[in-house]
PDB file of N, CA and C in Angstrom:
ATOM      1  N   MET A   1       1.085  -1.059   0.103  1.00  0.00           N
ATOM      2  CA  MET A   1       0.189  -0.159  -0.558  1.00  0.00           C
ATOM      3  C   MET A   1       0.875   1.882  -0.079  1.00  0.00           C
ATOM      4  N   LYS A   2       0.445   2.061  -0.584  1.00  0.00           N
ATOM      5  CA  LYS A   2       1.446   3.520  -0.714  1.00  0.00           C
ATOM      6  C   LYS A   2       0.201   4.271  -0.558  1.00  0.00           C
ATOM      7  N   ILE A   3       0.971   4.888   0.772  1.00  0.00           N
ATOM      8  CA  ILE A   3      -0.073   6.435   0.696  1.00  0.00           C
ATOM      9  C   ILE A   3       1.498   7.564   1.608  1.00  0.00           C
ATOM     10  N   GLU A   4      -0.110   8.723   0.634  1.00  0.00           N
ATOM     11  CA  GLU A   4       1.093   9.950   0.583  1.00  0.00           C
ATOM     12  C   GLU A   4       0.643  11.252   1.092  1.00  0.00           C
ATOM     13  N   ILE A   5       1.058  11.759   1.496  1.00  0.00           N
ATOM     14  CA  ILE A   5       0.384  13.147   3.293  1.00  0.00           C
ATOM     15  C   ILE A   5       0.551  14.017   2.007  1.00  0.00           C
ATOM     16  N   LEU A   6       0.203  14.831   1.266  1.00  0.00           N
ATOM     17  CA  LEU A   6       0.872  16.203   0.606  1.00  0.00           C
ATOM     18  C   LEU A   6      -0.272  17.759   1.489  1.00  0.00           C
ATOM     19  N   GLY A   7       1.191  17.769   1.012  1.00  0.00           N
ATOM     20  CA  GLY A   7       1.021  19.964   2.432  1.00  0.00           C
ATOM     21  C   GLY A   7       2.880  20.163   1.394  1.00  0.00           C
ATOM     22  N   THR A   8       2.710  21.697   1.846  1.00  0.00           N
ATOM     23  CA  THR A   8       3.429  22.136   2.533  1.00  0.00           C
ATOM     24  C   THR A   8       4.146  22.156   3.570  1.00  0.00           C
ATOM     25  N   GLY A   9       3.682  21.943   4.444  1.00  0.00           N
ATOM     26  CA  GLY A   9       3.913  22.254   5.897  1.00  0.00           C
ATOM     27  C   GLY A   9       3.379  22.633   6.840  1.00  0.00           C
ATOM     28  N   CYS A  10       2.353  22.430   6.972  1.00  0.00           N
ATOM     29  CA  CYS A  10       1.527  23.320   7.946  1.00  0.00           C
ATOM     30  C   CYS A  10       0.862  22.594   8.890  1.00  0.00           C
ATOM     31  N   ALA A  11       0.953  22.934   9.946  1.00  0.00           N
ATOM     32  CA  ALA A  11       0.427  22.609  11.127  1.00  0.00           C
ATOM     33  C   ALA A  11      -0.421  21.207  10.837  1.00  0.00           C
ATOM     34  N   LYS A  12      -0.952  21.541  10.251  1.00  0.00           N
ATOM     35  CA  LYS A  12      -2.419  20.347   9.891  1.00  0.00           C
ATOM     36  C   LYS A  12      -1.166  19.793   9.629  1.00  0.00           C
ATOM     37  N   CYS A  13      -0.540  19.400   8.203  1.00  0.00           N
ATOM     38  CA  CYS A  13      -0.267  18.613   7.536  1.00  0.00           C
ATOM     39  C   CYS A  13       0.531  17.845   7.994  1.00  0.00           C
ATOM     40  N   HIS A  14       1.688  18.567   8.549  1.00  0.00           N
ATOM     41  CA  HIS A  14       2.212  17.376  10.598  1.00  0.00           C
ATOM     42  C   HIS A  14       1.254  16.385  11.046  1.00  0.00           C
ATOM     43  N   LYS A  15      -0.175  17.275  11.703  1.00  0.00           N
ATOM     44  CA  LYS A  15      -0.953  16.412  12.548  1.00  0.00           C
ATOM     45  C   LYS A  15      -1.252  15.284  11.336  1.00  0.00           C
ATOM     46  N   LEU A  16      -1.927  15.181  10.255  1.00  0.00           N
ATOM     47  CA  LEU A  16      -2.009  14.574   9.998  1.00  0.00           C
ATOM     48  C   LEU A  16      -0.806  13.461   8.858  1.00  0.00           C
ATOM     49  N   ASP A  17       0.091  14.400   9.228  1.00  0.00           N
ATOM     50  CA  ASP A  17       1.394  12.701   8.843  1.00  0.00           C
ATOM     51  C   ASP A  17       1.638  11.830   9.725  1.00  0.00           C
ATOM     52  N   GLU A  18       1.804  12.490  11.683  1.00  0.00           N
ATOM     53  CA  GLU A  18       1.762  12.176  12.414  1.00  0.00           C
ATOM     54  C   GLU A  18       0.595  10.197  13.213  1.00  0.00           C
ATOM     55  N   LEU A  19      -0.695  11.292  12.446  1.00  0.00           N
ATOM     56  CA  LEU A  19      -1.436  10.598  12.973  1.00  0.00           C
ATOM     57  C   LEU A  19      -2.061   9.119  12.081  1.00  0.00           C
ATOM     58  N   VAL A  20      -1.187   9.842  10.395  1.00  0.00           N
ATOM     59  CA  VAL A  20      -1.547   9.108   8.873  1.00  0.00           C
ATOM     60  C   VAL A  20      -0.820   7.238   9.958  1.00  0.00           C
ATOM     61  N   ARG A  21       0.789   7.519   9.709  1.00  0.00           N
ATOM     62  CA  ARG A  21       1.379   7.109  10.415  1.00  0.00           C
ATOM     63  C   ARG A  21       0.961   5.665  12.524  1.00  0.00           C
ATOM     64  N   ALA A  22       0.912   7.090  13.014  1.00  0.00           N
ATOM     65  CA  ALA A  22       0.173   6.065  13.870  1.00  0.00           C
ATOM     66  C   ALA A  22      -0.639   4.540  13.525  1.00  0.00           C
ATOM     67  N   THR A  23      -1.676   5.352  12.414  1.00  0.00           N
ATOM     68  CA  THR A  23      -2.308   4.636  12.183  1.00  0.00           C
ATOM     69  C   THR A  23      -2.328   3.198  11.826  1.00  0.00           C
ATOM     70  N   VAL A  24      -1.577   3.543  10.830  1.00  0.00           N
ATOM     71  CA  VAL A  24      -0.748   2.290   9.439  1.00  0.00           C
ATOM     72  C   VAL A  24      -0.194   1.617  10.724  1.00  0.00           C
ATOM     73  N   LYS A  25       0.901   2.165  11.988  1.00  0.00           N
ATOM     74  CA  LYS A  25       1.728   1.335  13.511  1.00  0.00           C
ATOM     75  C   LYS A  25       0.628   0.293  13.619  1.00  0.00           C
ATOM     76  N   GLU A  26      -0.539   1.148  14.485  1.00  0.00           N
ATOM     77  CA  GLU A  26      -1.702   0.572  14.830  1.00  0.00           C
ATOM     78  C   GLU A  26      -2.636  -0.978  14.462  1.00  0.00           C
ATOM     79  N   THR A  27      -3.132  -0.693  12.974  1.00  0.00           N
ATOM     80  CA  THR A  27      -3.098  -2.014  12.653  1.00  0.00           C
ATOM     81  C   THR A  27      -2.489  -2.708  12.317  1.00  0.00           C
ATOM     82  N   GLY A  28      -0.524  -1.423  11.616  1.00  0.00           N
ATOM     83  CA  GLY A  28      -0.096  -3.557  10.921  1.00  0.00           C
ATOM     84  C   GLY A  28      -0.580  -3.325  10.105  1.00  0.00           C
ATOM     85  N   VAL A  29      -0.852  -2.768   9.524  1.00  0.00           N
ATOM     86  CA  VAL A  29      -1.082  -2.352   7.484  1.00  0.00           C
ATOM     87  C   VAL A  29       0.773  -2.213   6.973  1.00  0.00           C
ATOM     88  N   ILE A  30       1.290  -2.581   6.543  1.00  0.00           N
ATOM     89  CA  ILE A  30       1.815  -2.731   5.776  1.00  0.00           C
ATOM     90  C   ILE A  30       1.726  -1.399   4.146  1.00  0.00           C
ATOM     91  N   ALA A  31       2.744  -0.576   4.591  1.00  0.00           N
ATOM     92  CA  ALA A  31       2.033   0.208   4.134  1.00  0.00           C
ATOM     93  C   ALA A  31       4.213   1.270   3.327  1.00  0.00           C
ATOM     94  N   GLU A  32       3.871   1.839   2.685  1.00  0.00           N
ATOM     95  CA  GLU A  32       4.426   3.026   2.812  1.00  0.00           C
ATOM     96  C   GLU A  32       4.255   4.700   2.357  1.00  0.00           C
ATOM     97  N   VAL A  33       4.399   5.020   3.529  1.00  0.00           N
ATOM     98  CA  VAL A  33       3.815   6.037   4.107  1.00  0.00           C
ATOM     99  C   VAL A  33       4.697   7.550   3.480  1.00  0.00           C
ATOM    100  N   ASN A  34       4.978   8.168   2.402  1.00  0.00           N
ATOM    101  CA  ASN A  34       5.309   9.572   1.780  1.00  0.00           C
ATOM    102  C   ASN A  34       5.062  10.960   2.607  1.00  0.00           C
ATOM    103  N   LYS A  35       5.714  11.940   2.621  1.00  0.00           N
ATOM    104  CA  LYS A  35       5.174  13.169   2.481  1.00  0.00           C
ATOM    105  C   LYS A  35       5.517  13.972   1.523  1.00  0.00           C
ATOM    106  N   VAL A  36       5.022  14.607   0.341  1.00  0.00           N
ATOM    107  CA  VAL A  36       5.151  14.833  -0.655  1.00  0.00           C
ATOM    108  C   VAL A  36       4.719  16.580  -0.412  1.00  0.00           C
ATOM    109  N   ASP A  37       5.928  17.061  -1.093  1.00  0.00           N
ATOM    110  CA  ASP A  37       5.273  19.141  -0.139  1.00  0.00           C
ATOM    111  C   ASP A  37       6.293  19.619  -0.934  1.00  0.00           C
ATOM    112  N   ASP A  38       6.456  18.837  -2.008  1.00  0.00           N
ATOM    113  CA  ASP A  38       6.182  19.817  -4.078  1.00  0.00           C
ATOM    114  C   ASP A  38       4.613  21.267  -4.469  1.00  0.00           C
ATOM    115  N   ILE A  39       4.607  21.915  -4.923  1.00  0.00           N
ATOM    116  CA  ILE A  39       2.932  22.235  -5.065  1.00  0.00           C
ATOM    117  C   ILE A  39       2.671  21.503  -6.863  1.00  0.00           C
ATOM    118  N   LYS A  40       4.090  21.007  -7.740  1.00  0.00           N
ATOM    119  CA  LYS A  40       3.350  20.578  -8.532  1.00  0.00           C
ATOM    120  C   LYS A  40       2.745  18.772  -8.179  1.00  0.00           C
ATOM    121  N   LYS A  41       3.865  18.068  -7.464  1.00  0.00           N
ATOM    122  CA  LYS A  41       2.787  16.919  -7.694  1.00  0.00           C
ATOM    123  C   LYS A  41       1.591  16.778  -7.053  1.00  0.00           C
ATOM    124  N   ILE A  42       1.324  17.894  -5.540  1.00  0.00           N
ATOM    125  CA  ILE A  42       0.352  17.892  -4.979  1.00  0.00           C
ATOM    126  C   ILE A  42      -0.997  18.017  -5.933  1.00  0.00           C
ATOM    127  N   MET A  43      -0.876  19.244  -7.632  1.00  0.00           N
ATOM    128  CA  MET A  43      -1.586  19.925  -8.048  1.00  0.00           C
ATOM    129  C   MET A  43      -1.389  19.083  -9.183  1.00  0.00           C
ATOM    130  N   THR A  44      -1.619  17.599  -8.974  1.00  0.00           N
ATOM    131  CA  THR A  44      -1.920  16.537 -10.232  1.00  0.00           C
ATOM    132  C   THR A  44      -2.690  15.546  -9.533  1.00  0.00           C
ATOM    133  N   TYR A  45      -2.471  16.121  -8.865  1.00  0.00           N
ATOM    134  CA  TYR A  45      -3.653  14.803  -7.629  1.00  0.00           C
ATOM    135  C   TYR A  45      -5.385  16.164  -7.375  1.00  0.00           C
ATOM    136  N   GLY A  46      -5.245  17.278  -8.296  1.00  0.00           N
ATOM    137  CA  GLY A  46      -5.695  18.031  -8.191  1.00  0.00           C
ATOM    138  C   GLY A  46      -7.374  18.351  -6.749  1.00  0.00           C
ATOM    139  N   VAL A  47      -5.406  18.320  -5.813  1.00  0.00           N
ATOM    140  CA  VAL A  47      -5.984  19.116  -4.953  1.00  0.00           C
ATOM    141  C   VAL A  47      -5.197  19.830  -4.660  1.00  0.00           C
ATOM    142  N   MET A  48      -6.615  20.956  -4.228  1.00  0.00           N
ATOM    143  CA  MET A  48      -5.978  22.473  -3.934  1.00  0.00           C
ATOM    144  C   MET A  48      -6.271  23.041  -2.461  1.00  0.00           C
ATOM    145  N   THR A  49      -6.600  22.102  -1.568  1.00  0.00           N
ATOM    146  CA  THR A  49      -5.974  22.769  -0.461  1.00  0.00           C
ATOM    147  C   THR A  49      -5.547  21.450   0.949  1.00  0.00           C
ATOM    148  N   THR A  50      -4.618  21.714   0.797  1.00  0.00           N
ATOM    149  CA  THR A  50      -3.893  21.149   2.119  1.00  0.00           C
ATOM    150  C   THR A  50      -4.172  21.221   3.916  1.00  0.00           C
ATOM    151  N   PRO A  51      -4.173  20.122   4.005  1.00  0.00           N
ATOM    152  CA  PRO A  51      -3.495  18.953   3.792  1.00  0.00           C
ATOM    153  C   PRO A  51      -4.490  17.246   3.226  1.00  0.00           C
ATOM    154  N   ALA A  52      -4.131  16.813   2.637  1.00  0.00           N
ATOM    155  CA  ALA A  52      -4.570  16.534   1.238  1.00  0.00           C
ATOM    156  C   ALA A  52      -3.836  14.541   1.507  1.00  0.00           C
ATOM    157  N   LEU A  53      -4.730  13.192   1.571  1.00  0.00           N
ATOM    158  CA  LEU A  53      -4.391  11.956   2.146  1.00  0.00           C
ATOM    159  C   LEU A  53      -3.842  10.966   0.228  1.00  0.00           C
ATOM    160  N   VAL A  54      -3.615  10.656   0.385  1.00  0.00           N
ATOM    161  CA  VAL A  54      -3.603   9.891  -1.215  1.00  0.00           C
ATOM    162  C   VAL A  54      -3.572   7.629  -0.457  1.00  0.00           C
ATOM    163  N   ILE A  55      -4.506   7.705  -0.863  1.00  0.00           N
ATOM    164  CA  ILE A  55      -4.071   6.032  -0.344  1.00  0.00           C
ATOM    165  C   ILE A  55      -3.931   5.591  -2.435  1.00  0.00           C
ATOM    166  N   ASP A  56      -2.736   4.454  -2.768  1.00  0.00           N
ATOM    167  CA  ASP A  56      -2.683   4.471  -3.458  1.00  0.00           C
ATOM    168  C   ASP A  56      -3.423   5.028  -4.589  1.00  0.00           C
ATOM    169  N   GLY A  57      -2.393   6.267  -4.888  1.00  0.00           N
ATOM    170  CA  GLY A  57      -2.827   7.264  -5.918  1.00  0.00           C
ATOM    171  C   GLY A  57      -5.044   7.735  -6.249  1.00  0.00           C
ATOM    172  N   GLU A  58      -4.956   7.012  -5.227  1.00  0.00           N
ATOM    173  CA  GLU A  58      -7.034   7.733  -4.802  1.00  0.00           C
ATOM    174  C   GLU A  58      -7.114   8.960  -3.765  1.00  0.00           C
ATOM    175  N   VAL A  59      -7.144   9.880  -3.372  1.00  0.00           N
ATOM    176  CA  VAL A  59      -6.679  11.008  -3.082  1.00  0.00           C
ATOM    177  C   VAL A  59      -8.572  10.629  -2.247  1.00  0.00           C
ATOM    178  N   LYS A  60      -8.577  10.108  -0.164  1.00  0.00           N
ATOM    179  CA  LYS A  60      -9.687  10.605   0.186  1.00  0.00           C
ATOM    180  C   LYS A  60      -9.604  11.045   1.182  1.00  0.00           C
ATOM    181  N   ALA A  61      -9.105  12.563   1.232  1.00  0.00           N
ATOM    182  CA  ALA A  61      -9.293  13.609   1.792  1.00  0.00           C
ATOM    183  C   ALA A  61      -8.361  14.281   1.506  1.00  0.00           C
ATOM    184  N   ALA A  62      -9.404  15.922   1.569  1.00  0.00           N
ATOM    185  CA  ALA A  62      -8.177  16.838   1.255  1.00  0.00           C
ATOM    186  C   ALA A  62      -8.521  18.197   1.628  1.00  0.00           C
ATOM    187  N   GLY A  63      -8.053  19.099   2.674  1.00  0.00           N
ATOM    188  CA  GLY A  63      -8.779  20.651   2.969  1.00  0.00           C
ATOM    189  C   GLY A  63      -8.929  20.542   4.730  1.00  0.00           C
ATOM    190  N   LYS A  64      -9.006  18.566   5.533  1.00  0.00           N
ATOM    191  CA  LYS A  64      -8.775  18.662   6.377  1.00  0.00           C
ATOM    192  C   LYS A  64      -8.051  17.636   7.235  1.00  0.00           C
ATOM    193  N   ILE A  65      -8.190  17.224   8.381  1.00  0.00           N
ATOM    194  CA  ILE A  65      -7.594  15.825   8.617  1.00  0.00           C
ATOM    195  C   ILE A  65      -8.676  14.895   9.203  1.00  0.00           C
ATOM    196  N   PRO A  66      -9.146  14.090   8.470  1.00  0.00           N
ATOM    197  CA  PRO A  66      -9.626  12.873   8.636  1.00  0.00           C
ATOM    198  C   PRO A  66     -10.046  12.452   9.861  1.00  0.00           C
ATOM    199  N   ALA A  67     -11.330  11.574  11.402  1.00  0.00           N
ATOM    200  CA  ALA A  67     -11.443  11.351  11.055  1.00  0.00           C
ATOM    201  C   ALA A  67     -10.552   9.117  11.403  1.00  0.00           C
ATOM    202  N   LYS A  68      -9.222   9.307  13.144  1.00  0.00           N
ATOM    203  CA  LYS A  68      -8.614   8.011  12.825  1.00  0.00           C
ATOM    204  C   LYS A  68      -9.622   7.162  11.949  1.00  0.00           C
ATOM    205  N   ASP A  69     -10.605   6.848  12.748  1.00  0.00           N
ATOM    206  CA  ASP A  69     -11.482   5.481  12.063  1.00  0.00           C
ATOM    207  C   ASP A  69     -11.617   5.654  10.611  1.00  0.00           C
ATOM    208  N   GLU A  70     -12.561   7.635  10.244  1.00  0.00           N
ATOM    209  CA  GLU A  70     -12.555   6.762   8.775  1.00  0.00           C
ATOM    210  C   GLU A  70     -10.304   6.166   8.583  1.00  0.00           C
ATOM    211  N   ILE A  71      -9.439   6.754   8.959  1.00  0.00           N
ATOM    212  CA  ILE A  71      -8.573   6.945   9.112  1.00  0.00           C
ATOM    213  C   ILE A  71      -8.180   5.019   8.263  1.00  0.00           C
ATOM    214  N   MET A  72      -8.615   4.656  10.048  1.00  0.00           N
ATOM    215  CA  MET A  72      -8.185   2.663  10.055  1.00  0.00           C
ATOM    216  C   MET A  72      -9.400   2.135   9.025  1.00  0.00           C
ATOM    217  N   LYS A  73     -10.595   2.560   8.341  1.00  0.00           N
ATOM    218  CA  LYS A  73     -10.978   2.098   7.131  1.00  0.00           C
ATOM    219  C   LYS A  73     -10.346   1.392   6.126  1.00  0.00           C
ATOM    220  N   TRP A  74     -10.387   3.010   5.597  1.00  0.00           N
ATOM    221  CA  TRP A  74      -9.714   3.130   4.611  1.00  0.00           C
ATOM    222  C   TRP A  74      -8.077   2.082   4.921  1.00  0.00           C
ATOM    223  N   LEU A  75      -8.047   2.214   5.285  1.00  0.00           N
ATOM    224  CA  LEU A  75      -6.667   1.336   5.343  1.00  0.00           C
ATOM    225  C   LEU A  75      -6.737  -0.330   5.279  1.00  0.00           C
ATOM    226  N   GLY A  76      -7.995  -0.869   5.771  1.00  0.00           N
ATOM    227  CA  GLY A  76      -8.084  -2.069   5.726  1.00  0.00           C
ATOM    228  C   GLY A  76      -9.308  -1.647   7.644  1.00  0.00           C
ATOM    229  N   GLY A  77      -8.183  -1.377   8.224  1.00  0.00           N
ATOM    230  CA  GLY A  77      -8.160  -1.824   9.280  1.00  0.00           C
ATOM    231  C   GLY A  77      -9.782  -1.654   9.459  1.00  0.00           C
ATOM    232  N   LYS A  78     -10.409  -1.951  11.440  1.00  0.00           N
ATOM    233  CA  LYS A  78     -10.730  -1.967  12.077  1.00  0.00           C
ATOM    234  C   LYS A  78     -12.084  -0.932  11.771  1.00  0.00           C
TER     235      LYS A  78
END
């Protein structure tokens, strides 16, 4: 599984990164988590507001920090 955190470095972007990494660890899902701060790459996803969460190439959330339960569901966890 490939997970990307899209954001230019704002506090919410860092918070989403921490939350996703903790959730991946908790669920035991094998995933590659990357932080993307290149605005051109972020725009290729059609994302205009950050932070954004992309899982396997699909934008799951943009402009907000999703709830941990929602992230778990997307990861196939509990």
